[in-house]
PDB file of N, CA and C in Angstrom:
ATOM      1  N   MET A   1      63.687 110.951 101.931  1.00  0.00           N
ATOM      2  CA  MET A   1      64.644 110.755 102.458  1.00  0.00           C
ATOM      3  C   MET A   1      65.398 109.806 101.503  1.00  0.00           C
ATOM      4  N   GLY A   2      66.432 109.708 100.818  1.00  0.00           N
ATOM      5  CA  GLY A   2      67.136 108.952  99.914  1.00  0.00           C
ATOM      6  C   GLY A   2      67.685 107.641 100.482  1.00  0.00           C
ATOM      7  N   VAL A   3      68.027 106.494  99.905  1.00  0.00           N
ATOM      8  CA  VAL A   3      68.667 105.456 100.349  1.00  0.00           C
ATOM      9  C   VAL A   3      69.885 105.624 100.964  1.00  0.00           C
ATOM     10  N   MET A   4      70.725 106.412 100.299  1.00  0.00           N
ATOM     11  CA  MET A   4      72.245 106.711 100.680  1.00  0.00           C
ATOM     12  C   MET A   4      72.201 107.651 101.953  1.00  0.00           C
ATOM     13  N   HIS A   5      71.195 108.429 102.112  1.00  0.00           N
ATOM     14  CA  HIS A   5      70.852 109.257 103.310  1.00  0.00           C
ATOM     15  C   HIS A   5      70.619 108.590 104.573  1.00  0.00           C
ATOM     16  N   ARG A   6      69.487 107.600 104.108  1.00  0.00           N
ATOM     17  CA  ARG A   6      69.339 106.716 105.385  1.00  0.00           C
ATOM     18  C   ARG A   6      70.446 105.779 105.692  1.00  0.00           C
ATOM     19  N   LEU A   7      71.413 105.236 104.754  1.00  0.00           N
ATOM     20  CA  LEU A   7      72.217 104.475 104.967  1.00  0.00           C
ATOM     21  C   LEU A   7      73.273 105.222 105.554  1.00  0.00           C
ATOM     22  N   LYS A   8      73.605 106.374 105.544  1.00  0.00           N
ATOM     23  CA  LYS A   8      74.756 107.227 106.281  1.00  0.00           C
ATOM     24  C   LYS A   8      74.287 107.447 107.553  1.00  0.00           C
ATOM     25  N   ALA A   9      72.862 107.725 107.714  1.00  0.00           N
ATOM     26  CA  ALA A   9      72.162 108.003 109.127  1.00  0.00           C
ATOM     27  C   ALA A   9      72.465 106.753 109.933  1.00  0.00           C
ATOM     28  N   GLY A  10      72.079 105.799 109.140  1.00  0.00           N
ATOM     29  CA  GLY A  10      72.392 104.385 110.049  1.00  0.00           C
ATOM     30  C   GLY A  10      73.558 103.927 110.580  1.00  0.00           C
ATOM     31  N   LEU A  11      74.504 104.343 109.572  1.00  0.00           N
ATOM     32  CA  LEU A  11      75.918 104.026 109.929  1.00  0.00           C
ATOM     33  C   LEU A  11      76.624 105.032 111.093  1.00  0.00           C
ATOM     34  N   GLY A  12      76.002 106.029 110.992  1.00  0.00           N
ATOM     35  CA  GLY A  12      76.532 107.224 112.014  1.00  0.00           C
ATOM     36  C   GLY A  12      76.992 106.378 113.498  1.00  0.00           C
ATOM     37  N   PRO A  13      76.168 105.820 114.286  1.00  0.00           N
ATOM     38  CA  PRO A  13      76.619 105.124 115.524  1.00  0.00           C
ATOM     39  C   PRO A  13      77.710 104.046 115.611  1.00  0.00           C
ATOM     40  N   ALA A  14      77.698 103.476 114.187  1.00  0.00           N
ATOM     41  CA  ALA A  14      78.525 102.300 114.048  1.00  0.00           C
ATOM     42  C   ALA A  14      80.151 102.912 113.980  1.00  0.00           C
ATOM     43  N   ARG A  15      79.978 104.255 113.238  1.00  0.00           N
ATOM     44  CA  ARG A  15      81.342 104.887 112.925  1.00  0.00           C
ATOM     45  C   ARG A  15      81.950 105.450 114.362  1.00  0.00           C
ATOM     46  N   ASP A  16      80.999 106.103 115.021  1.00  0.00           N
ATOM     47  CA  ASP A  16      81.607 106.553 116.075  1.00  0.00           C
ATOM     48  C   ASP A  16      81.995 105.473 116.955  1.00  0.00           C
ATOM     49  N   THR A  17      81.506 104.222 117.197  1.00  0.00           N
ATOM     50  CA  THR A  17      81.902 102.996 117.929  1.00  0.00           C
ATOM     51  C   THR A  17      83.360 102.608 117.474  1.00  0.00           C
ATOM     52  N   VAL A  18      83.465 102.447 116.156  1.00  0.00           N
ATOM     53  CA  VAL A  18      84.573 102.136 115.436  1.00  0.00           C
ATOM     54  C   VAL A  18      85.823 103.570 115.907  1.00  0.00           C
ATOM     55  N   SER A  19      85.250 104.565 115.748  1.00  0.00           N
ATOM     56  CA  SER A  19      86.252 105.729 115.920  1.00  0.00           C
ATOM     57  C   SER A  19      86.801 105.630 117.522  1.00  0.00           C
ATOM     58  N   GLY A  20      86.145 105.474 118.240  1.00  0.00           N
ATOM     59  CA  GLY A  20      86.473 105.455 119.695  1.00  0.00           C
ATOM     60  C   GLY A  20      87.360 104.029 119.855  1.00  0.00           C
ATOM     61  N   PHE A  21      86.727 102.762 119.523  1.00  0.00           N
ATOM     62  CA  PHE A  21      88.033 101.698 119.427  1.00  0.00           C
ATOM     63  C   PHE A  21      89.249 102.124 118.805  1.00  0.00           C
ATOM     64  N   ALA A  22      89.165 102.930 117.788  1.00  0.00           N
ATOM     65  CA  ALA A  22      90.660 103.049 117.173  1.00  0.00           C
ATOM     66  C   ALA A  22      91.349 104.199 118.083  1.00  0.00           C
ATOM     67  N   ARG A  23      90.608 105.063 118.694  1.00  0.00           N
ATOM     68  CA  ARG A  23      91.248 106.060 119.677  1.00  0.00           C
ATOM     69  C   ARG A  23      91.800 105.346 120.679  1.00  0.00           C
ATOM     70  N   GLN A  24      91.249 104.526 121.317  1.00  0.00           N
ATOM     71  CA  GLN A  24      91.412 103.725 122.780  1.00  0.00           C
ATOM     72  C   GLN A  24      92.752 102.738 122.258  1.00  0.00           C
ATOM     73  N   HIS A  25      92.308 101.974 121.002  1.00  0.00           N
ATOM     74  CA  HIS A  25      93.647 100.883 120.920  1.00  0.00           C
ATOM     75  C   HIS A  25      94.485 101.138 119.865  1.00  0.00           C
ATOM     76  N   GLY A  26      94.394 102.111 119.294  1.00  0.00           N
ATOM     77  CA  GLY A  26      95.182 102.750 118.144  1.00  0.00           C
ATOM     78  C   GLY A  26      96.608 102.084 118.199  1.00  0.00           C
ATOM     79  N   GLY A  27      97.377 102.094 119.564  1.00  0.00           N
ATOM     80  CA  GLY A  27      98.706 101.685 119.567  1.00  0.00           C
ATOM     81  C   GLY A  27      98.659 100.229 119.401  1.00  0.00           C
ATOM     82  N   GLN A  28      97.842  99.512 119.972  1.00  0.00           N
ATOM     83  CA  GLN A  28      97.835  98.081 119.891  1.00  0.00           C
ATOM     84  C   GLN A  28      97.700  97.562 118.221  1.00  0.00           C
ATOM     85  N   ILE A  29      96.774  98.271 117.715  1.00  0.00           N
ATOM     86  CA  ILE A  29      96.573  97.948 116.459  1.00  0.00           C
ATOM     87  C   ILE A  29      97.545  98.192 115.278  1.00  0.00           C
ATOM     88  N   GLU A  30      98.582  99.339 115.684  1.00  0.00           N
ATOM     89  CA  GLU A  30      99.720  99.584 115.019  1.00  0.00           C
ATOM     90  C   GLU A  30     100.378  98.449 115.243  1.00  0.00           C
ATOM     91  N   HIS A  31     100.639  98.346 116.181  1.00  0.00           N
ATOM     92  CA  HIS A  31     101.780  97.121 116.689  1.00  0.00           C
ATOM     93  C   HIS A  31     101.329  95.923 115.906  1.00  0.00           C
ATOM     94  N   GLY A  32     100.061  95.412 116.091  1.00  0.00           N
ATOM     95  CA  GLY A  32      99.766  94.222 115.107  1.00  0.00           C
ATOM     96  C   GLY A  32     100.193  94.338 113.811  1.00  0.00           C
ATOM     97  N   LEU A  33      99.847  95.580 113.291  1.00  0.00           N
ATOM     98  CA  LEU A  33     100.112  95.714 111.785  1.00  0.00           C
ATOM     99  C   LEU A  33     101.507  95.637 111.462  1.00  0.00           C
ATOM    100  N   ASP A  34     102.397  96.112 112.542  1.00  0.00           N
ATOM    101  CA  ASP A  34     103.627  96.017 112.380  1.00  0.00           C
ATOM    102  C   ASP A  34     104.117  94.452 112.448  1.00  0.00           C
ATOM    103  N   ARG A  35     103.727  93.938 113.563  1.00  0.00           N
ATOM    104  CA  ARG A  35     103.989  92.432 113.683  1.00  0.00           C
ATOM    105  C   ARG A  35     103.363  91.404 112.237  1.00  0.00           C
ATOM    106  N   ALA A  36     102.334  91.695 111.890  1.00  0.00           N
ATOM    107  CA  ALA A  36     102.028  91.146 110.614  1.00  0.00           C
ATOM    108  C   ALA A  36     102.970  91.351 109.417  1.00  0.00           C
ATOM    109  N   ALA A  37     103.360  92.753 109.202  1.00  0.00           N
ATOM    110  CA  ALA A  37     104.118  92.992 108.147  1.00  0.00           C
ATOM    111  C   ALA A  37     105.454  92.441 108.413  1.00  0.00           C
ATOM    112  N   ARG A  38     105.914  92.086 109.412  1.00  0.00           N
ATOM    113  CA  ARG A  38     107.329  91.465 109.611  1.00  0.00           C
ATOM    114  C   ARG A  38     106.961  90.200 109.352  1.00  0.00           C
ATOM    115  N   LEU A  39     105.903  89.487 109.709  1.00  0.00           N
ATOM    116  CA  LEU A  39     105.716  88.084 109.351  1.00  0.00           C
ATOM    117  C   LEU A  39     105.691  87.720 107.782  1.00  0.00           C
ATOM    118  N   VAL A  40     104.809  88.808 107.034  1.00  0.00           N
ATOM    119  CA  VAL A  40     104.753  88.614 105.864  1.00  0.00           C
ATOM    120  C   VAL A  40     106.262  88.737 104.897  1.00  0.00           C
ATOM    121  N   ASP A  41     107.014  89.535 105.511  1.00  0.00           N
ATOM    122  CA  ASP A  41     108.259  90.206 104.819  1.00  0.00           C
ATOM    123  C   ASP A  41     109.294  89.008 104.958  1.00  0.00           C
ATOM    124  N   GLU A  42     109.135  88.130 106.290  1.00  0.00           N
ATOM    125  CA  GLU A  42     109.810  87.006 106.512  1.00  0.00           C
ATOM    126  C   GLU A  42     109.760  85.841 105.611  1.00  0.00           C
ATOM    127  N   LYS A  43     108.203  85.551 105.733  1.00  0.00           N
ATOM    128  CA  LYS A  43     107.714  84.614 104.637  1.00  0.00           C
ATOM    129  C   LYS A  43     108.084  84.665 103.128  1.00  0.00           C
ATOM    130  N   THR A  44     108.140  85.894 102.987  1.00  0.00           N
ATOM    131  CA  THR A  44     108.313  85.964 101.438  1.00  0.00           C
ATOM    132  C   THR A  44     109.826  86.362 100.981  1.00  0.00           C
ATOM    133  N   LYS A  45     110.432  86.494 102.226  1.00  0.00           N
ATOM    134  CA  LYS A  45     112.256  86.557 102.160  1.00  0.00           C
ATOM    135  C   LYS A  45     112.382  87.927 101.567  1.00  0.00           C
ATOM    136  N   GLY A  46     111.614  88.997 101.788  1.00  0.00           N
ATOM    137  CA  GLY A  46     111.715  90.310 101.481  1.00  0.00           C
ATOM    138  C   GLY A  46     111.525  90.939 100.149  1.00  0.00           C
ATOM    139  N   LYS A  47     110.887  90.052  99.431  1.00  0.00           N
ATOM    140  CA  LYS A  47     110.871  89.962  98.018  1.00  0.00           C
ATOM    141  C   LYS A  47     109.707  91.130  97.904  1.00  0.00           C
ATOM    142  N   TYR A  48     108.641  91.288  98.727  1.00  0.00           N
ATOM    143  CA  TYR A  48     107.263  92.409  98.699  1.00  0.00           C
ATOM    144  C   TYR A  48     107.518  93.458  99.567  1.00  0.00           C
ATOM    145  N   SER A  49     108.733  93.848 100.208  1.00  0.00           N
ATOM    146  CA  SER A  49     108.904  94.638 101.186  1.00  0.00           C
ATOM    147  C   SER A  49     108.544  96.244 101.052  1.00  0.00           C
ATOM    148  N   GLY A  50     108.662  96.294  99.839  1.00  0.00           N
ATOM    149  CA  GLY A  50     108.118  97.670  99.390  1.00  0.00           C
ATOM    150  C   GLY A  50     106.766  97.943  99.687  1.00  0.00           C
ATOM    151  N   LYS A  51     105.952  96.749  98.967  1.00  0.00           N
ATOM    152  CA  LYS A  51     104.567  96.525  98.800  1.00  0.00           C
ATOM    153  C   LYS A  51     103.889  96.685 100.412  1.00  0.00           C
ATOM    154  N   VAL A  52     104.588  95.629 101.258  1.00  0.00           N
ATOM    155  CA  VAL A  52     104.256  95.394 102.447  1.00  0.00           C
ATOM    156  C   VAL A  52     104.285  96.528 103.343  1.00  0.00           C
ATOM    157  N   ARG A  53     105.348  97.434 103.204  1.00  0.00           N
ATOM    158  CA  ARG A  53     105.747  98.645 103.981  1.00  0.00           C
ATOM    159  C   ARG A  53     104.679  99.699 103.513  1.00  0.00           C
ATOM    160  N   ALA A  54     104.376 100.050 102.189  1.00  0.00           N
ATOM    161  CA  ALA A  54     103.162 100.519 101.561  1.00  0.00           C
ATOM    162  C   ALA A  54     101.887 100.211 102.121  1.00  0.00           C
ATOM    163  N   GLY A  55     101.394  99.054 102.196  1.00  0.00           N
ATOM    164  CA  GLY A  55     100.157  98.600 102.646  1.00  0.00           C
ATOM    165  C   GLY A  55     100.071  98.781 104.176  1.00  0.00           C
ATOM    166  N   THR A  56     101.158  98.764 104.986  1.00  0.00           N
ATOM    167  CA  THR A  56     101.231  98.759 106.428  1.00  0.00           C
ATOM    168  C   THR A  56     101.054 100.278 106.720  1.00  0.00           C
ATOM    169  N   ASP A  57     101.711 101.111 105.909  1.00  0.00           N
ATOM    170  CA  ASP A  57     101.339 102.537 106.108  1.00  0.00           C
ATOM    171  C   ASP A  57     100.015 103.028 105.742  1.00  0.00           C
ATOM    172  N   LYS A  58      99.452 102.649 104.578  1.00  0.00           N
ATOM    173  CA  LYS A  58      98.117 102.956 104.362  1.00  0.00           C
ATOM    174  C   LYS A  58      96.996 102.392 105.128  1.00  0.00           C
ATOM    175  N   ALA A  59      97.213 101.341 106.001  1.00  0.00           N
ATOM    176  CA  ALA A  59      96.627 100.851 106.841  1.00  0.00           C
ATOM    177  C   ALA A  59      96.768 101.420 108.506  1.00  0.00           C
ATOM    178  N   LYS A  60      97.821 102.184 108.699  1.00  0.00           N
ATOM    179  CA  LYS A  60      98.157 102.896 109.958  1.00  0.00           C
ATOM    180  C   LYS A  60      97.400 104.392 109.600  1.00  0.00           C
ATOM    181  N   ALA A  61      97.571 104.889 108.423  1.00  0.00           N
ATOM    182  CA  ALA A  61      96.816 106.017 108.078  1.00  0.00           C
ATOM    183  C   ALA A  61      95.398 105.845 108.225  1.00  0.00           C
ATOM    184  N   ALA A  62      94.679 104.779 107.738  1.00  0.00           N
ATOM    185  CA  ALA A  62      93.481 104.641 107.791  1.00  0.00           C
ATOM    186  C   ALA A  62      92.874 104.684 109.407  1.00  0.00           C
ATOM    187  N   VAL A  63      93.895 103.911 110.249  1.00  0.00           N
ATOM    188  CA  VAL A  63      93.516 103.924 111.576  1.00  0.00           C
ATOM    189  C   VAL A  63      93.580 105.160 112.345  1.00  0.00           C
ATOM    190  N   ASP A  64      94.635 106.158 111.884  1.00  0.00           N
ATOM    191  CA  ASP A  64      94.686 107.355 112.317  1.00  0.00           C
ATOM    192  C   ASP A  64      93.315 108.255 111.995  1.00  0.00           C
ATOM    193  N   ARG A  65      92.893 108.304 110.577  1.00  0.00           N
ATOM    194  CA  ARG A  65      91.813 108.630 110.211  1.00  0.00           C
ATOM    195  C   ARG A  65      90.432 108.319 111.071  1.00  0.00           C
ATOM    196  N   LEU A  66      90.370 106.977 111.100  1.00  0.00           N
ATOM    197  CA  LEU A  66      89.268 106.659 112.230  1.00  0.00           C
ATOM    198  C   LEU A  66      89.317 107.387 113.635  1.00  0.00           C
ATOM    199  N   ALA A  67      90.585 107.276 113.953  1.00  0.00           N
ATOM    200  CA  ALA A  67      90.545 107.862 115.545  1.00  0.00           C
ATOM    201  C   ALA A  67      90.348 109.485 115.443  1.00  0.00           C
ATOM    202  N   HIS A  68      90.656 110.032 114.309  1.00  0.00           N
ATOM    203  CA  HIS A  68      90.673 111.405 114.166  1.00  0.00           C
ATOM    204  C   HIS A  68      91.896 112.000 114.523  1.00  0.00           C
ATOM    205  N   ARG A  69      92.942 111.221 114.477  1.00  0.00           N
ATOM    206  CA  ARG A  69      94.242 111.827 114.884  1.00  0.00           C
ATOM    207  C   ARG A  69      94.998 112.329 113.660  1.00  0.00           C
ATOM    208  N   HIS A  70      95.045 113.643 113.452  1.00  0.00           N
ATOM    209  CA  HIS A  70      95.564 114.303 112.164  1.00  0.00           C
ATOM    210  C   HIS A  70      96.942 115.130 112.361  1.00  0.00           C
ATOM    211  N   GLY A  71      97.161 115.198 113.457  1.00  0.00           N
ATOM    212  CA  GLY A  71      98.268 115.915 114.067  1.00  0.00           C
ATOM    213  C   GLY A  71      98.661 116.075 115.256  1.00  0.00           C
ATOM    214  N   PRO A  72      99.708 116.568 115.985  1.00  0.00           N
ATOM    215  CA  PRO A  72      99.771 116.592 117.044  1.00  0.00           C
ATOM    216  C   PRO A  72      98.941 118.052 117.647  1.00  0.00           C
ATOM    217  N   GLY A  73      98.187 117.093 118.758  1.00  0.00           N
ATOM    218  CA  GLY A  73      97.187 118.122 119.589  1.00  0.00           C
ATOM    219  C   GLY A  73      95.977 118.386 118.843  1.00  0.00           C
ATOM    220  N   THR A  74      95.834 117.660 117.764  1.00  0.00           N
ATOM    221  CA  THR A  74      94.571 118.354 117.072  1.00  0.00           C
ATOM    222  C   THR A  74      93.360 117.256 117.094  1.00  0.00           C
ATOM    223  N   GLY A  75      92.268 117.681 117.608  1.00  0.00           N
ATOM    224  CA  GLY A  75      91.332 116.611 117.633  1.00  0.00           C
ATOM    225  C   GLY A  75      90.351 116.422 116.518  1.00  0.00           C
ATOM    226  N   ALA A  76      90.649 117.184 115.354  1.00  0.00           N
ATOM    227  CA  ALA A  76      89.749 117.176 114.371  1.00  0.00           C
ATOM    228  C   ALA A  76      90.423 116.833 113.038  1.00  0.00           C
ATOM    229  N   ALA A  77      89.582 116.538 111.957  1.00  0.00           N
ATOM    230  CA  ALA A  77      90.211 116.138 110.765  1.00  0.00           C
ATOM    231  C   ALA A  77      90.517 117.377 109.881  1.00  0.00           C
ATOM    232  N   PRO A  78      91.449 117.770 109.093  1.00  0.00           N
ATOM    233  CA  PRO A  78      91.349 118.756 108.265  1.00  0.00           C
ATOM    234  C   PRO A  78      90.487 119.029 107.465  1.00  0.00           C
ATOM    235  N   GLY A  79      89.856 120.244 107.513  1.00  0.00           N
ATOM    236  CA  GLY A  79      88.713 120.563 106.901  1.00  0.00           C
ATOM    237  C   GLY A  79      87.432 120.693 107.535  1.00  0.00           C
ATOM    238  N   ASP A  80      87.437 119.827 108.483  1.00  0.00           N
ATOM    239  CA  ASP A  80      86.202 119.990 109.793  1.00  0.00           C
ATOM    240  C   ASP A  80      85.914 121.409 110.083  1.00  0.00           C
ATOM    241  N   GLY A  81      84.918 121.685 110.175  1.00  0.00           N
ATOM    242  CA  GLY A  81      84.411 123.284 110.895  1.00  0.00           C
ATOM    243  C   GLY A  81      83.862 123.706 109.857  1.00  0.00           C
ATOM    244  N   PRO A  82      83.689 125.219 110.155  1.00  0.00           N
ATOM    245  CA  PRO A  82      82.722 125.851 109.348  1.00  0.00           C
ATOM    246  C   PRO A  82      83.495 125.859 107.772  1.00  0.00           C
ATOM    247  N   THR A  83      82.650 125.543 106.589  1.00  0.00           N
ATOM    248  CA  THR A  83      83.112 125.711 105.148  1.00  0.00           C
ATOM    249  C   THR A  83      83.132 127.533 104.915  1.00  0.00           C
ATOM    250  N   PRO A  84      84.287 127.571 104.276  1.00  0.00           N
ATOM    251  CA  PRO A  84      84.297 129.065 103.808  1.00  0.00           C
ATOM    252  C   PRO A  84      83.347 129.456 102.931  1.00  0.00           C
ATOM    253  N   PRO A  85      82.773 130.745 102.646  1.00  0.00           N
ATOM    254  CA  PRO A  85      81.973 130.927 101.765  1.00  0.00           C
ATOM    255  C   PRO A  85      82.447 130.759 100.265  1.00  0.00           C
ATOM    256  N   ALA A  86      81.822 130.450  99.188  1.00  0.00           N
ATOM    257  CA  ALA A  86      82.278 130.308  98.091  1.00  0.00           C
ATOM    258  C   ALA A  86      82.257 131.618  97.592  1.00  0.00           C
ATOM    259  N   GLY A  87      83.284 131.673  96.576  1.00  0.00           N
ATOM    260  CA  GLY A  87      83.248 132.897  95.737  1.00  0.00           C
ATOM    261  C   GLY A  87      83.716 134.044  96.188  1.00  0.00           C
TER     262      GLY A  87
END
């Protein structure tokens, strides 16, 4: 068993824990991200608004990926499930 394989196998339970946390508290996490973005925007007097917004959007997308929320009513990530046969 390779090092990467063992590392991935060992991190599986941690990923499940983080995923559950993101699912349960996603709204609170996103609210905190919005508050932090507003604070940074105020402190920089809007100079970096675009970058702050882009970073906040990326962070929210990461929370959604962790929580496996990829669209209304879906519980799985795009591409999850059986892989179509090649060729």
